[in-house]
Structure formats: C-alpha cells, structure tokens
Amino acid sequence: MSALARRGWRDRVLMAAMIVAASLWMLPLLWVLGLSFKPNAFLQSHTDVIFSPPYTLANYADIFRISQVFRWLANSVIVALSQTLGVLVLSSLAGYGFARTKFPGRKVLFVIVMFGLAVPSQSTFIPLHRLFSDWNLQNTYAGLVLPGLAAPFGVYLMTQYFRAIPVELEEAAMLDNASRLKIFLQVVLPLTLPAQATLGIFTFLTCWNDYLWPLVIATKPEMYTLTRGLASTQTNFSQSEGLGFLMAQAVFAALPVLTIYLFFQKYVVAMAAGRGR
C-alpha cells in the first residue's frame, strides 16, 4: 500500500472517530432539546421517550408569559456586550504594553497579573460586594459589568499574540513617522482579529452564563440578568413537576450564545490553527 493510500485510510479513521466523539457530545444537548418540547405531565412518568409524540410548545409559551423575561434578556445583552467590549479594549492595550514597550517593573507587574489566574472569582465576592455597596452600585449596570473587566486571561492571550507579530512591521511604520498609537491602531491591532474574536466569545459566554455575581449584586427583579431571572421563576418542585419548562429555559438562554458562536467560529478555528496573522 502506498504512503498516499495509508494516509487516506488514517484520515478516514480519524474522521470517523471525530464523528463518533461529536455524536456522543451532542447526545445530552439533543436530550435537553427533546425534553423541552414534552408536556410536563407526561415527563412525570416518562423521561426516556424523547423523539416520539406527544409534543408541545407550551413550555416555551410559559417563558414568554413571564412579564419581565424580555427585560432580563435585554439586561443580559447589555451587560455581556459591555463587558466583552471593555475586556477587548483593556486586554489589547495591556497586552501591547507588555509585549512591545519597556518600563520599570514590567516583568514583576506581568507576574502579578498572571497571579490573577489562580484566584477563584468566588473568593472576591465579599470584598467586591462591600465595595460596590459603599459606592451605591447595587442594582446598576456598572455593578454588573465592572468586576468582569479584570481579565488576566485576556491580558495573557493578547500579550502572547502581540509577541508573535513580527517587529519589522512596526519598524517599517516608524520609518514613515507613524506614532505609536497609529501603529497600534492601524498596523498591529487588525492583525489580532482571530485572538480578539476568541477572547470576545470566551468573555461573552462567561458573562452570559454567570449566575453567582448577578445573584449577589442584583436584588431587584428589573435588574436581573436572564440566568438570574429564569432561576427566580423555578419552584422547589420544578425538577419533578416542571422538567420540560426547565429544559425550555435552558434552550432559550443558550440560543443567543449559540448564534454568536456560529458567526465567529471561523476566527476561533483560525486562532487554534495559528492562522489569520
């Protein structure tokens, strides 16, 4: 068998293995989707019959009957987009500073930033809550957004990506009397689009799915995010009497992030493959 034929067989086996792995990974998602279209009364006695009747849209209709669900959805969009934009701006500026500029204490400061990766966010809830309470930022968008702007992972990712960009590009721009800010905005920053897309998706998903911090800082229903608001509608018996409604809530909350990922997945692939520079 020729080397080309052996490579073809290896590719087919690898593709088959990936299809099997992807199918196994999709099974829980399909199970959740299937249960979301089942009547709650039916699911009290059957949870293993997913792809056969009866079906219903009542679970999704119940979500839209909640008076403030669209307010919660708008809150989540505002908070997630604001936090994502803030993280991209701050991480890009900090990453470029660490990668390209020299200043006293740069290495020590970078190590301190990296220590932030080892600190669980839950350990900072009490001091953050006291700080934001003293600043009267409870039940405000600022209170929901500001803690997430501290993103050590974003600084690390952008620093490494900036370091991988050839310095000769900036030196050529300097010969044309371009300022450091102009070089950053017009020469270097456009080359980091795959890294920014990856960081943006990661930040948006983390913020969108966050439940603990909105639970702490948002005490008024009109300031709930979608995850916090939907959780507030669940009763103590929802796991046994409203399983279809719970699954419909999960699908409803996941649709926006799934849509965003589908639009930006090519940048994530490019970042993983080391392309797009």
Protein backbone atom coordinates (compact mmCIF):
# COMPACT_ATOMS: atom_id res chain seq x y z
CA MET A 1 0.00 0.00 0.00
CA SER A 2 1.41 3.38 -0.98
CA ALA A 3 2.09 6.12 1.53
CA LEU A 4 -0.71 8.20 -0.01
CA ALA A 5 -3.21 5.37 0.41
CA ARG A 6 -2.15 4.76 4.03
CA ARG A 7 -2.56 8.45 4.76
CA GLY A 8 -6.03 8.36 3.20
CA TRP A 9 -7.05 5.47 5.45
CA ARG A 10 -5.70 7.25 8.52
CA ASP A 11 -7.67 10.36 7.61
CA ARG A 12 -10.87 8.32 7.23
CA VAL A 13 -10.38 6.56 10.56
CA LEU A 14 -9.65 9.87 12.27
CA MET A 15 -12.74 11.45 10.69
CA ALA A 16 -14.91 8.52 11.80
CA ALA A 17 -13.56 8.78 15.35
CA MET A 18 -14.28 12.52 15.39
CA ILE A 19 -17.84 11.94 14.15
CA VAL A 20 -18.45 9.37 16.90
CA ALA A 21 -17.00 11.71 19.55
CA ALA A 22 -19.09 14.63 18.28
CA SER A 23 -22.23 12.48 18.29
CA LEU A 24 -21.64 11.42 21.89
CA TRP A 25 -21.04 15.05 22.84
CA MET A 26 -24.30 16.10 21.16
CA LEU A 27 -26.47 13.48 22.89
CA PRO A 28 -27.05 15.49 26.13
CA LEU A 29 -27.89 18.59 24.06
CA LEU A 30 -30.39 16.64 21.98
CA TRP A 31 -31.87 15.19 25.17
CA VAL A 32 -32.38 18.68 26.61
CA LEU A 33 -33.89 19.92 23.33
CA GLY A 34 -36.23 16.94 23.11
CA LEU A 35 -37.46 17.27 26.68
CA SER A 36 -38.18 20.96 26.16
CA PHE A 37 -40.97 20.01 23.70
CA LYS A 38 -42.59 17.47 26.04
CA PRO A 39 -45.62 18.16 28.28
CA ASN A 40 -44.65 18.41 31.93
CA ALA A 41 -47.39 16.00 32.96
CA PHE A 42 -46.03 13.40 30.51
CA LEU A 43 -42.48 13.80 31.84
CA GLN A 44 -43.60 12.98 35.38
CA SER A 45 -43.81 9.34 34.29
CA HIS A 46 -41.62 9.23 31.14
CA THR A 47 -38.22 10.80 30.58
CA ASP A 48 -36.75 8.23 28.20
CA VAL A 49 -39.14 8.76 25.26
CA ILE A 50 -37.77 11.86 23.54
CA PHE A 51 -38.24 11.54 19.78
CA SER A 52 -41.83 10.35 19.75
CA PRO A 53 -45.16 12.13 20.49
CA PRO A 54 -46.61 13.90 22.36
CA TYR A 55 -45.00 17.28 21.63
CA THR A 56 -45.97 20.74 22.82
CA LEU A 57 -44.84 24.36 22.62
CA ALA A 58 -46.43 25.17 25.96
CA ASN A 59 -43.07 25.22 27.77
CA TYR A 60 -41.76 27.97 25.50
CA ALA A 61 -45.07 29.83 25.70
CA ASP A 62 -44.78 29.78 29.50
CA ILE A 63 -41.40 31.52 29.26
CA PHE A 64 -42.88 34.39 27.24
CA ARG A 65 -45.74 34.72 29.70
CA ILE A 66 -43.23 35.84 32.33
CA SER A 67 -43.74 39.59 32.35
CA GLN A 68 -40.08 40.61 32.66
CA VAL A 69 -38.34 37.99 30.52
CA PHE A 70 -37.56 40.47 27.73
CA ARG A 71 -36.19 42.95 30.30
CA TRP A 72 -33.93 40.20 31.65
CA LEU A 73 -32.86 39.34 28.11
CA ALA A 74 -32.05 42.99 27.40
CA ASN A 75 -30.08 43.22 30.66
CA SER A 76 -28.01 40.18 29.73
CA VAL A 77 -27.29 41.61 26.27
CA ILE A 78 -26.26 45.00 27.68
CA VAL A 79 -24.06 43.52 30.40
CA ALA A 80 -22.43 40.85 28.20
CA LEU A 81 -21.70 43.23 25.31
CA SER A 82 -20.40 45.98 27.61
CA GLN A 83 -18.15 43.58 29.47
CA THR A 84 -16.89 41.99 26.26
CA LEU A 85 -16.08 45.37 24.71
CA GLY A 86 -14.34 46.54 27.88
CA VAL A 87 -12.24 43.38 28.16
CA LEU A 88 -11.18 43.58 24.50
CA VAL A 89 -10.11 47.22 24.82
CA LEU A 90 -8.28 46.85 28.12
CA SER A 91 -6.67 43.50 27.29
CA SER A 92 -5.47 44.76 23.90
CA LEU A 93 -3.91 47.87 25.41
CA ALA A 94 -2.33 45.96 28.30
CA GLY A 95 -1.14 43.14 26.03
CA TYR A 96 0.51 45.56 23.62
CA GLY A 97 2.13 47.39 26.51
CA PHE A 98 3.60 44.21 27.96
CA ALA A 99 4.68 42.87 24.58
CA ARG A 100 6.19 45.97 22.95
CA THR A 101 7.01 48.66 25.49
CA LYS A 102 9.69 48.69 28.17
CA PHE A 103 9.04 50.31 31.54
CA PRO A 104 10.33 49.76 35.09
CA GLY A 105 8.77 46.77 36.80
CA ARG A 106 7.20 45.38 33.63
CA LYS A 107 8.08 41.74 34.38
CA VAL A 108 7.01 41.98 38.02
CA LEU A 109 3.71 43.59 37.04
CA PHE A 110 3.06 40.90 34.42
CA VAL A 111 3.65 38.18 37.03
CA ILE A 112 1.22 39.91 39.39
CA VAL A 113 -1.40 39.99 36.63
CA MET A 114 -0.83 36.28 35.97
CA PHE A 115 -1.40 35.52 39.65
CA GLY A 116 -4.96 36.66 38.99
CA LEU A 117 -5.50 33.43 37.03
CA ALA A 118 -5.01 31.45 40.25
CA VAL A 119 -7.54 33.44 42.30
CA PRO A 120 -11.10 31.98 42.20
CA SER A 121 -13.67 34.66 41.46
CA GLN A 122 -15.84 33.41 44.34
CA SER A 123 -13.14 34.37 46.83
CA THR A 124 -13.54 38.05 45.91
CA PHE A 125 -17.32 38.24 46.25
CA ILE A 126 -17.38 39.58 49.82
CA PRO A 127 -14.89 42.46 49.32
CA LEU A 128 -16.43 43.29 45.95
CA HIS A 129 -19.92 43.34 47.40
CA ARG A 130 -18.86 45.63 50.24
CA LEU A 131 -17.01 47.92 47.84
CA PHE A 132 -19.89 48.19 45.39
CA SER A 133 -22.39 48.67 48.21
CA ASP A 134 -20.32 51.57 49.56
CA TRP A 135 -20.31 53.06 46.05
CA ASN A 136 -24.11 52.58 45.73
CA LEU A 137 -23.64 50.42 42.63
CA GLN A 138 -26.03 47.62 43.59
CA ASN A 139 -28.78 47.06 41.02
CA THR A 140 -26.89 49.04 38.37
CA TYR A 141 -25.32 48.06 35.07
CA ALA A 142 -21.97 49.34 36.33
CA GLY A 143 -22.17 46.95 39.26
CA LEU A 144 -22.85 44.04 36.93
CA VAL A 145 -20.15 44.93 34.38
CA LEU A 146 -17.14 46.38 36.21
CA PRO A 147 -15.91 43.26 38.11
CA GLY A 148 -15.62 41.31 34.85
CA LEU A 149 -13.29 43.88 33.29
CA ALA A 150 -10.40 42.46 35.32
CA ALA A 151 -9.40 39.71 32.87
CA PRO A 152 -5.91 38.22 33.47
CA PHE A 153 -6.53 35.57 30.82
CA GLY A 154 -7.30 38.25 28.24
CA VAL A 155 -4.11 40.15 29.07
CA TYR A 156 -2.06 36.96 28.79
CA LEU A 157 -3.68 35.93 25.49
CA MET A 158 -3.20 39.32 23.84
CA THR A 159 0.36 39.66 25.16
CA GLN A 160 1.36 36.34 23.64
CA TYR A 161 -0.35 37.17 20.36
CA PHE A 162 1.32 40.59 20.09
CA ARG A 163 4.70 38.99 20.77
CA ALA A 164 4.17 36.64 17.83
CA ILE A 165 3.70 39.54 15.40
CA PRO A 166 6.99 40.46 13.62
CA VAL A 167 8.55 43.64 15.00
CA GLU A 168 9.68 44.56 11.47
CA LEU A 169 6.13 45.63 10.63
CA GLU A 170 6.21 48.29 13.34
CA GLU A 171 9.73 49.36 12.48
CA ALA A 172 8.67 49.94 8.88
CA ALA A 173 5.78 52.10 10.08
CA MET A 174 8.11 54.06 12.36
CA LEU A 175 10.28 54.88 9.34
CA ASP A 176 7.19 56.57 7.88
CA ASN A 177 6.97 58.72 11.03
CA ALA A 178 3.89 56.90 12.34
CA SER A 179 3.18 57.43 16.04
CA ARG A 180 3.00 54.54 18.50
CA LEU A 181 -0.78 54.95 18.78
CA LYS A 182 -1.21 54.96 15.00
CA ILE A 183 0.96 51.84 14.68
CA PHE A 184 -1.12 50.12 17.33
CA LEU A 185 -4.49 51.02 15.81
CA GLN A 186 -3.75 50.71 12.09
CA VAL A 187 -0.90 48.20 11.80
CA VAL A 188 -0.85 45.80 14.75
CA LEU A 189 -4.41 45.67 16.06
CA PRO A 190 -6.03 44.48 12.77
CA LEU A 191 -3.65 41.50 12.77
CA THR A 192 -5.03 40.31 16.12
CA LEU A 193 -8.61 39.79 14.91
CA PRO A 194 -8.58 35.99 15.47
CA ALA A 195 -7.31 36.42 19.03
CA GLN A 196 -9.84 39.17 19.74
CA ALA A 197 -12.69 37.06 18.35
CA THR A 198 -11.66 34.13 20.53
CA LEU A 199 -11.33 36.33 23.62
CA GLY A 200 -14.62 38.07 22.80
CA ILE A 201 -16.52 34.79 22.52
CA PHE A 202 -14.95 33.46 25.71
CA THR A 203 -15.78 36.65 27.62
CA PHE A 204 -19.32 36.88 26.25
CA LEU A 205 -20.09 33.25 27.14
CA THR A 206 -18.65 33.63 30.63
CA CYS A 207 -20.64 36.79 31.29
CA TRP A 208 -23.86 35.49 29.72
CA ASN A 209 -23.80 32.29 31.79
CA ASP A 210 -22.75 33.98 35.02
CA TYR A 211 -25.22 33.42 37.83
CA LEU A 212 -23.38 34.00 41.11
CA TRP A 213 -22.37 37.64 40.71
CA PRO A 214 -25.80 38.79 39.41
CA LEU A 215 -27.30 36.86 42.33
CA VAL A 216 -25.17 38.92 44.73
CA ILE A 217 -25.33 42.38 43.15
CA ALA A 218 -28.82 42.41 41.57
CA THR A 219 -31.62 42.27 44.15
CA LYS A 220 -34.38 44.00 42.17
CA PRO A 221 -36.24 41.93 39.52
CA GLU A 222 -35.93 44.68 36.90
CA MET A 223 -32.10 44.38 37.10
CA TYR A 224 -31.92 40.58 36.88
CA THR A 225 -29.95 39.05 34.03
CA LEU A 226 -31.55 36.21 32.09
CA THR A 227 -29.89 33.44 34.09
CA ARG A 228 -30.81 35.10 37.39
CA GLY A 229 -34.33 35.88 36.27
CA LEU A 230 -35.14 32.42 34.92
CA ALA A 231 -33.76 30.82 38.06
CA SER A 232 -36.08 33.01 40.15
CA THR A 233 -39.12 31.50 38.39
CA GLN A 234 -38.27 27.96 39.42
CA THR A 235 -40.12 26.41 42.33
CA ASN A 236 -38.87 23.83 44.81
CA PHE A 237 -40.70 21.12 42.86
CA SER A 238 -39.65 22.22 39.38
CA GLN A 239 -37.22 19.32 38.98
CA SER A 240 -40.08 16.80 39.23
CA GLU A 241 -43.15 18.75 38.06
CA GLY A 242 -41.74 21.18 35.50
CA LEU A 243 -38.87 19.36 33.81
CA GLY A 244 -39.96 20.37 30.33
CA PHE A 245 -40.18 24.01 31.42
CA LEU A 246 -36.66 23.80 32.88
CA MET A 247 -35.29 22.37 29.63
CA ALA A 248 -37.07 25.07 27.61
CA GLN A 249 -35.43 27.71 29.81
CA ALA A 250 -32.02 26.17 29.16
CA VAL A 251 -32.58 26.18 25.40
CA PHE A 252 -33.93 29.74 25.43
CA ALA A 253 -30.89 31.00 27.38
CA ALA A 254 -28.44 29.15 25.12
CA LEU A 255 -29.78 30.31 21.74
CA PRO A 256 -28.13 33.78 21.70
CA VAL A 257 -24.66 32.48 22.55
CA LEU A 258 -25.00 29.65 20.05
CA THR A 259 -25.90 32.17 17.34
CA ILE A 260 -22.91 34.35 18.17
CA TYR A 261 -20.56 31.37 18.13
CA LEU A 262 -21.81 30.28 14.71
CA PHE A 263 -20.98 33.72 13.31
CA PHE A 264 -17.47 33.88 14.81
CA GLN A 265 -16.38 30.24 14.77
CA LYS A 266 -14.04 30.77 11.80
CA TYR A 267 -11.94 33.14 13.91
CA VAL A 268 -11.77 30.62 16.75
CA VAL A 269 -10.58 27.95 14.29
CA ALA A 270 -8.02 30.36 12.84
CA MET A 271 -6.74 31.17 16.30
CA ALA A 272 -6.45 27.48 17.21
CA ALA A 273 -4.63 26.69 13.96
CA GLY A 274 -2.29 29.64 14.31
CA ARG A 275 -3.58 31.28 11.14
CA GLY A 276 -5.15 34.65 10.48
CA ARG A 277 -1.97 36.67 11.17
